[in-house]
Each structure stands twice: as C-alpha cells, then as structure tokens.
C-alpha cells in the first residue's frame, strides 16, 4: 500500500523540493516566479486541460455523469462552505477567504491527478481527472478570480471610483477571458458537439501541456523558499478540510446512498488528492496570502501520503 502511495505522490513531493533547493541555491529568484507563473496559467495548463478534455471523448464523459454530479457537489459545496465560514464567521478578507476556499476544495487533479490516479487506475483515471479539472476551471477558478479582482479594486490608492463602484460585470468577463477558463470550456463544447480533434493536433498541443504539472510544482517550491512555512490555524484548517473532511464526507455520503466501486473509489480518491497548485499561483498573481497558500500546499502534499493511504484502504 505504502509503495503505491509513494509511487504516486513522491514525484510531486520531489518536484516541489527541487524548486525549493533551486531557489535556496540561488539558481532561481522570487522575481522570476511571475514569469514562470504566467507561462503555466496562460499557456501550459490551458493546453493540458484542453487536450485532456477532448481526448476523453463524449461517450466517456456522458457515461460518467453520476461521477461528475458527485464531484460537482463535493467541490462546489466545500468551496462555498469554507468561503462563508472564513468571510462571515472569522471575517477574513474576501481574497484570503476565496483562496482558502480554493485550497480547501479543489484537488490537484490537473497537476498530480494523472500521476496519482493513473498509477492506481491506469487509463480509467483519465475521466475523473478530466471531470475534476473541468469543474475547477469552469466553476471555482472564475469565482476566485472575480473575488480577487474585486478586492484588488478596493485596495488603498486605486481611486474612489474603483472602490465605490466596482465593475462586477467587467470582472466576470475578465475572468472568463483567462485562457485557463475559456480553452477547457472550448474543449468541453467540442466534445459535446462530437467534433473530432485529429490526434496530430492533440499531440502538438500536449507537448507544452505536459510541462504544466512539473513547472507548476517546481514554481511552488521556489515560492516556498521565499517564505517561512506558516503553520497556523487557517493553514491547518484548510489542509484538514482538503485532506480529511472533504473525502471523508464523500465516502460516507456515497456509502449511505448505496454506491460501490468504481464510482466510490474514483470519487473519493479524486477529492482526496492534495490541494491544487493554482491557489498558490493565484496568490502570487494577486499578492494575497502567498505564504499561507504555499504552506498549505506543502503540508497538504506531504500529508496526502498518509491520508490517501487511509482512503485507499477504505475504498479498496
């Protein structure tokens, strides 16, 4: 069992540590992070998600509609609950609450999901990885981008007009214009319409797309090296929700309603993946809670070695 988990998660841990030591060795500096960040968010990740969606095919996506519904409830429900608790219960700033909700609810399916679930399920892992990625970039990421943009307008020094009358519609349009949102959406539409994408096109686009996971994790290591690891109540709460509470609730709910494998295992282990790297990358882009998000990513990824072992025992 431990061999399975290490074989699935150890590459992600090592890649983060490589970025950390590269920064400590002064091979990369913090000022280079935005450039690498932009390459991943604007090019590599959108291409990777687009190819992942179109390669799945309409028949496979429609056949796994129950899995999509379960994952949608789990991801969106957790995001909404954590955001409301942070914003209303603890009165944290909106941007911090949104990033915390993203870190607590979104599994890193686009970055380590293929490696982890692929190691466990083989080719069948493409569907939960694709569905999880679609939900994150079409639902959670746009909402987070809008909230971060609105908070940025409210910061001091941006003018009274911006703070008193934020252009909400403009922020929504700006969020939807991000390549990480519209390109996977285009792939989803292409699949639903049954438009074939030639294999040579998929292979051409996936060359850069394959770099998204490695570069994103490497950049996270560089970010962590620039900050002291923060271990406080919010960070530990985000990790607890992501690694234990969310997959535990999905496992209990599916058992309650009488579901079994493969749906049970695919759903539970997809949401049991460590926190999504995008939370760190967006925190860098908007300069909000970067130390907390980087720390949550590191603790969640290391902790997943233990927590995913437990959930594999539960579902298998």
Protein backbone atom coordinates (compact mmCIF):
# COMPACT_ATOMS: atom_id res chain seq x y z
CA UNK A 1 0.00 0.00 0.00
CA UNK A 2 2.72 2.47 1.01
CA UNK A 3 4.58 1.60 -2.18
CA UNK A 4 1.52 2.57 -4.23
CA UNK A 5 1.16 5.93 -2.49
CA UNK A 6 4.86 6.75 -2.66
CA UNK A 7 4.97 5.81 -6.32
CA UNK A 8 2.01 8.10 -6.97
CA UNK A 9 2.81 11.12 -4.78
CA UNK A 10 6.60 11.06 -4.42
CA UNK A 11 7.22 12.65 -7.86
CA UNK A 12 5.13 15.67 -6.83
CA UNK A 13 6.93 16.00 -3.48
CA UNK A 14 10.36 15.69 -5.10
CA UNK A 15 9.50 18.29 -7.76
CA UNK A 16 8.43 20.79 -5.08
CA UNK A 17 11.62 20.11 -3.13
CA UNK A 18 13.72 20.56 -6.28
CA UNK A 19 12.20 24.00 -6.76
CA UNK A 20 12.86 24.79 -3.11
CA UNK A 21 16.53 23.80 -3.28
CA UNK A 22 16.99 25.53 -6.65
CA UNK A 23 15.81 28.78 -5.05
CA UNK A 24 17.97 28.22 -1.98
CA UNK A 25 20.92 27.61 -4.29
CA UNK A 26 20.14 30.96 -5.98
CA UNK A 27 19.52 29.33 -9.37
CA UNK A 28 16.08 30.95 -9.38
CA UNK A 29 14.91 34.11 -7.65
CA UNK A 30 11.49 35.18 -6.45
CA UNK A 31 11.32 37.88 -9.14
CA UNK A 32 11.33 35.12 -11.78
CA UNK A 33 8.23 33.45 -10.32
CA UNK A 34 5.66 35.72 -12.07
CA UNK A 35 7.16 34.85 -15.48
CA UNK A 36 7.04 31.11 -14.85
CA UNK A 37 3.63 31.55 -13.27
CA UNK A 38 2.26 33.27 -16.36
CA UNK A 39 3.64 30.59 -18.65
CA UNK A 40 1.81 27.88 -16.72
CA UNK A 41 -1.52 29.69 -16.20
CA UNK A 42 -1.74 31.28 -19.66
CA UNK A 43 -0.29 28.55 -21.87
CA UNK A 44 0.81 25.18 -20.47
CA UNK A 45 -2.11 24.44 -18.14
CA UNK A 46 -4.90 25.56 -20.54
CA UNK A 47 -3.42 23.40 -23.31
CA UNK A 48 -3.08 20.44 -20.96
CA UNK A 49 -6.71 20.74 -19.86
CA UNK A 50 -7.97 21.18 -23.42
CA UNK A 51 -6.18 18.03 -24.61
CA UNK A 52 -7.34 16.11 -21.54
CA UNK A 53 -10.97 17.00 -22.21
CA UNK A 54 -11.03 16.30 -25.96
CA UNK A 55 -9.11 13.04 -25.57
CA UNK A 56 -11.71 11.72 -23.11
CA UNK A 57 -14.50 11.72 -25.70
CA UNK A 58 -18.22 12.44 -25.40
CA UNK A 59 -19.27 8.86 -24.74
CA UNK A 60 -16.93 8.52 -21.78
CA UNK A 61 -17.90 11.86 -20.28
CA UNK A 62 -21.63 11.15 -20.58
CA UNK A 63 -21.19 7.63 -19.20
CA UNK A 64 -19.60 9.09 -16.09
CA UNK A 65 -22.34 11.65 -15.46
CA UNK A 66 -23.01 10.32 -11.90
CA UNK A 67 -19.33 10.82 -11.09
CA UNK A 68 -19.50 14.37 -12.45
CA UNK A 69 -22.51 15.14 -10.25
CA UNK A 70 -20.82 13.77 -7.12
CA UNK A 71 -17.62 15.71 -7.78
CA UNK A 72 -19.56 18.91 -8.54
CA UNK A 73 -21.44 18.72 -5.24
CA UNK A 74 -18.23 17.92 -3.34
CA UNK A 75 -16.08 20.66 -4.88
CA UNK A 76 -18.62 23.48 -5.12
CA UNK A 77 -20.21 22.66 -1.78
CA UNK A 78 -16.87 22.64 0.05
CA UNK A 79 -15.80 25.87 -1.63
CA UNK A 80 -18.99 27.67 -0.64
CA UNK A 81 -18.92 26.35 2.94
CA UNK A 82 -15.27 27.30 3.57
CA UNK A 83 -15.67 30.72 1.97
CA UNK A 84 -18.73 31.56 4.08
CA UNK A 85 -17.09 30.36 7.30
CA UNK A 86 -13.93 32.40 6.57
CA UNK A 87 -15.75 35.51 5.40
CA UNK A 88 -18.72 35.63 7.78
CA UNK A 89 -17.58 33.51 10.70
CA UNK A 90 -13.98 34.74 11.02
CA UNK A 91 -14.30 37.96 9.00
CA UNK A 92 -11.21 37.28 6.91
CA UNK A 93 -10.70 39.45 3.79
CA UNK A 94 -12.60 38.30 0.71
CA UNK A 95 -9.46 37.44 -1.26
CA UNK A 96 -7.98 35.39 1.58
CA UNK A 97 -11.31 33.61 2.04
CA UNK A 98 -11.56 32.80 -1.68
CA UNK A 99 -8.03 31.41 -1.86
CA UNK A 100 -8.59 29.42 1.32
CA UNK A 101 -11.79 28.01 -0.12
CA UNK A 102 -9.98 27.08 -3.34
CA UNK A 103 -7.15 25.38 -1.42
CA UNK A 104 -9.68 23.51 0.75
CA UNK A 105 -11.99 22.33 -2.02
CA UNK A 106 -10.01 21.86 -5.25
CA UNK A 107 -7.91 18.71 -5.65
CA UNK A 108 -4.77 18.94 -7.72
CA UNK A 109 -6.26 16.75 -10.43
CA UNK A 110 -4.75 18.73 -13.30
CA UNK A 111 -1.25 18.64 -11.82
CA UNK A 112 -0.79 15.38 -9.90
CA UNK A 113 -4.10 13.63 -10.59
CA UNK A 114 -2.88 11.92 -13.75
CA UNK A 115 0.17 10.57 -11.92
CA UNK A 116 -1.63 9.51 -8.75
CA UNK A 117 -4.91 8.15 -10.17
CA UNK A 118 -3.16 6.85 -13.28
CA UNK A 119 -0.84 4.85 -11.06
CA UNK A 120 -3.85 3.38 -9.24
CA UNK A 121 -6.43 3.01 -12.05
CA UNK A 122 -4.47 3.09 -15.29
CA UNK A 123 -6.20 4.55 -18.37
CA UNK A 124 -9.54 4.70 -16.50
CA UNK A 125 -8.14 7.60 -14.46
CA UNK A 126 -8.49 10.00 -17.40
CA UNK A 127 -12.20 10.53 -16.70
CA UNK A 128 -12.09 11.61 -13.02
CA UNK A 129 -9.02 13.73 -13.78
CA UNK A 130 -10.78 15.44 -16.70
CA UNK A 131 -14.05 15.94 -14.79
CA UNK A 132 -12.27 17.32 -11.72
CA UNK A 133 -10.20 19.69 -13.85
CA UNK A 134 -13.27 20.91 -15.77
CA UNK A 135 -15.17 21.67 -12.57
CA UNK A 136 -12.24 23.55 -11.07
CA UNK A 137 -11.52 25.77 -14.07
CA UNK A 138 -15.15 26.39 -15.05
CA UNK A 139 -16.63 26.94 -11.58
CA UNK A 140 -14.09 27.51 -8.81
CA UNK A 141 -11.34 29.42 -10.62
CA UNK A 142 -13.63 32.06 -12.23
CA UNK A 143 -15.31 32.79 -8.89
CA UNK A 144 -11.93 33.09 -7.18
CA UNK A 145 -10.61 35.37 -9.94
CA UNK A 146 -13.65 37.64 -9.66
CA UNK A 147 -13.34 37.93 -5.87
CA UNK A 148 -9.60 38.60 -6.06
CA UNK A 149 -10.13 41.23 -8.76
CA UNK A 150 -12.85 42.98 -6.77
CA UNK A 151 -10.68 43.02 -3.64
CA UNK A 152 -7.78 44.43 -5.68
CA UNK A 153 -10.01 47.33 -6.74
CA UNK A 154 -10.80 48.06 -3.11
CA UNK A 155 -7.16 48.42 -2.04
CA UNK A 156 -5.99 51.91 -1.00
CA UNK A 157 -4.56 54.09 -3.70
CA UNK A 158 -6.73 52.78 -6.53
CA UNK A 159 -9.11 55.70 -6.59
CA UNK A 160 -12.51 56.36 -5.04
CA UNK A 161 -14.40 55.43 -8.19
CA UNK A 162 -12.95 51.95 -8.27
CA UNK A 163 -13.65 51.26 -4.62
CA UNK A 164 -17.15 52.76 -4.53
CA UNK A 165 -18.46 51.31 -7.80
CA UNK A 166 -16.61 48.11 -8.75
CA UNK A 167 -17.28 46.86 -12.26
CA UNK A 168 -18.58 43.41 -11.32
CA UNK A 169 -19.69 42.58 -14.86
CA UNK A 170 -16.29 43.61 -16.18
CA UNK A 171 -14.54 41.38 -13.65
CA UNK A 172 -16.71 38.43 -14.64
CA UNK A 173 -15.88 38.96 -18.31
CA UNK A 174 -12.19 39.37 -17.49
CA UNK A 175 -12.21 36.11 -15.51
CA UNK A 176 -13.91 34.24 -18.35
CA UNK A 177 -11.33 35.61 -20.80
CA UNK A 178 -8.50 33.91 -18.94
CA UNK A 179 -7.09 31.07 -21.12
CA UNK A 180 -7.28 28.68 -18.16
CA UNK A 181 -11.07 29.15 -18.25
CA UNK A 182 -12.12 29.53 -21.87
CA UNK A 183 -9.81 26.98 -23.51
CA UNK A 184 -11.03 23.98 -21.44
CA UNK A 185 -14.58 25.27 -21.97
CA UNK A 186 -13.97 25.20 -25.72
CA UNK A 187 -12.71 21.63 -25.38
CA UNK A 188 -15.85 20.67 -23.46
CA UNK A 189 -18.07 22.20 -26.16
CA UNK A 190 -16.09 20.43 -28.89
CA UNK A 191 -16.58 17.10 -27.10
CA UNK A 192 -20.33 17.62 -26.57
CA UNK A 193 -20.79 18.57 -30.23
CA UNK A 194 -18.93 15.46 -31.31
CA UNK A 195 -16.34 17.42 -33.32
CA UNK A 196 -13.26 15.20 -33.78
CA UNK A 197 -9.86 16.68 -32.98
CA UNK A 198 -7.13 14.95 -35.03
CA UNK A 199 -4.58 13.06 -32.98
CA UNK A 200 -1.75 15.01 -34.56
CA UNK A 201 -3.29 18.26 -33.23
CA UNK A 202 -3.71 16.78 -29.76
CA UNK A 203 -0.09 15.61 -29.72
CA UNK A 204 1.12 19.00 -30.92
CA UNK A 205 -0.76 20.88 -28.20
CA UNK A 206 0.15 18.41 -25.46
CA UNK A 207 3.90 18.95 -25.86
CA UNK A 208 3.76 22.20 -23.89
CA UNK A 209 0.78 20.99 -21.88
CA UNK A 210 2.82 18.16 -20.38
CA UNK A 211 5.10 20.77 -18.81
CA UNK A 212 2.29 22.32 -16.74
CA UNK A 213 2.38 19.92 -13.79
CA UNK A 214 6.14 19.82 -13.39
CA UNK A 215 6.69 23.55 -13.82
CA UNK A 216 3.80 24.47 -11.51
CA UNK A 217 5.09 22.22 -8.72
CA UNK A 218 8.66 23.45 -9.29
CA UNK A 219 7.47 27.07 -9.06
CA UNK A 220 5.64 26.25 -5.84
CA UNK A 221 8.93 25.07 -4.39
CA UNK A 222 10.57 28.36 -5.38
CA UNK A 223 7.72 30.27 -3.72
CA UNK A 224 8.02 28.22 -0.52
CA UNK A 225 11.76 29.00 -0.40
CA UNK A 226 10.97 32.71 -0.36
CA UNK A 227 8.74 32.45 2.71
CA UNK A 228 8.91 30.85 6.08
CA UNK A 229 6.50 27.93 6.26
CA UNK A 230 3.42 29.13 8.11
CA UNK A 231 1.74 26.69 10.47
CA UNK A 232 -1.29 28.43 11.98
CA UNK A 233 -5.00 27.87 12.48
CA UNK A 234 -6.20 28.84 8.99
CA UNK A 235 -3.48 26.88 7.18
CA UNK A 236 -4.06 23.73 9.24
CA UNK A 237 -7.82 24.11 8.83
CA UNK A 238 -7.53 24.35 5.04
CA UNK A 239 -5.35 21.21 4.98
CA UNK A 240 -7.67 19.35 7.36
CA UNK A 241 -10.71 20.08 5.20
CA UNK A 242 -8.92 19.22 1.96
CA UNK A 243 -7.15 16.03 3.04
CA UNK A 244 -9.62 14.51 5.50
CA UNK A 245 -13.01 16.21 5.84
CA UNK A 246 -13.95 16.55 2.16
CA UNK A 247 -13.02 12.99 1.04
CA UNK A 248 -14.44 11.61 4.29
CA UNK A 249 -17.81 13.23 3.65
CA UNK A 250 -17.85 11.99 0.06
CA UNK A 251 -17.01 8.46 1.21
CA UNK A 252 -19.71 8.48 3.90
CA UNK A 253 -22.36 10.00 1.63
CA UNK A 254 -21.76 7.54 -1.21
CA UNK A 255 -21.88 4.59 1.18
CA UNK A 256 -25.10 5.98 2.69
CA UNK A 257 -26.73 6.08 -0.75
CA UNK A 258 -25.51 2.58 -1.59
CA UNK A 259 -22.81 3.35 -4.15
CA UNK A 260 -19.86 1.00 -4.61
CA UNK A 261 -16.73 0.80 -6.76
CA UNK A 262 -15.72 2.01 -9.26
CA UNK A 263 -17.71 5.21 -8.60
CA UNK A 264 -16.91 5.13 -4.88
CA UNK A 265 -13.18 4.78 -5.34
CA UNK A 266 -12.88 7.25 -8.21
CA UNK A 267 -14.86 9.98 -6.42
CA UNK A 268 -13.22 9.59 -3.01
CA UNK A 269 -9.65 9.36 -4.28
CA UNK A 270 -10.13 12.28 -6.67
CA UNK A 271 -11.19 14.64 -3.87
CA UNK A 272 -8.54 13.10 -1.56
CA UNK A 273 -5.77 14.46 -3.82
CA UNK A 274 -3.69 17.23 -2.21
CA UNK A 275 -4.56 20.89 -2.59
CA UNK A 276 -4.49 22.45 -6.04
CA UNK A 277 -1.35 24.35 -7.07
CA UNK A 278 -3.49 27.10 -8.63
CA UNK A 279 -4.21 28.53 -5.16
CA UNK A 280 -0.51 29.35 -4.81
CA UNK A 281 -0.18 30.68 -8.34
CA UNK A 282 -3.19 33.00 -7.99
CA UNK A 283 -1.94 34.20 -4.60
CA UNK A 284 1.32 35.24 -6.30
CA UNK A 285 -0.51 36.91 -9.17
CA UNK A 286 -2.72 38.99 -6.83
CA UNK A 287 -0.22 39.26 -3.93
CA UNK A 288 -2.67 37.81 -1.40
CA UNK A 289 -1.75 35.30 1.36
CA UNK A 290 1.15 33.81 -0.62
CA UNK A 291 2.94 32.38 2.42
CA UNK A 292 -0.25 30.76 3.71
CA UNK A 293 -1.19 29.20 0.36
CA UNK A 294 2.36 27.91 -0.26
CA UNK A 295 2.47 26.41 3.23
CA UNK A 296 -0.96 24.80 2.80
CA UNK A 297 0.18 23.24 -0.49
CA UNK A 298 3.35 21.81 1.05
CA UNK A 299 1.60 20.40 4.15
CA UNK A 300 -1.30 19.05 2.10
CA UNK A 301 1.01 17.28 -0.37
CA UNK A 302 3.18 15.73 2.35
CA UNK A 303 0.14 14.82 4.44
CA UNK A 304 -1.55 13.17 1.46
CA UNK A 305 0.98 10.33 1.69
CA UNK A 306 -0.73 9.33 4.94
CA UNK A 307 -4.32 10.42 4.28
CA UNK A 308 -4.57 8.90 0.79
CA UNK A 309 -3.22 5.64 2.18
CA UNK A 310 -6.12 5.60 4.59
CA UNK A 311 -8.72 6.35 1.94
CA UNK A 312 -7.32 3.70 -0.41
CA UNK A 313 -7.80 1.18 2.40
CA UNK A 314 -11.38 2.41 2.87
CA UNK A 315 -12.43 2.16 -0.77
CA UNK A 316 -10.37 -0.87 -1.86
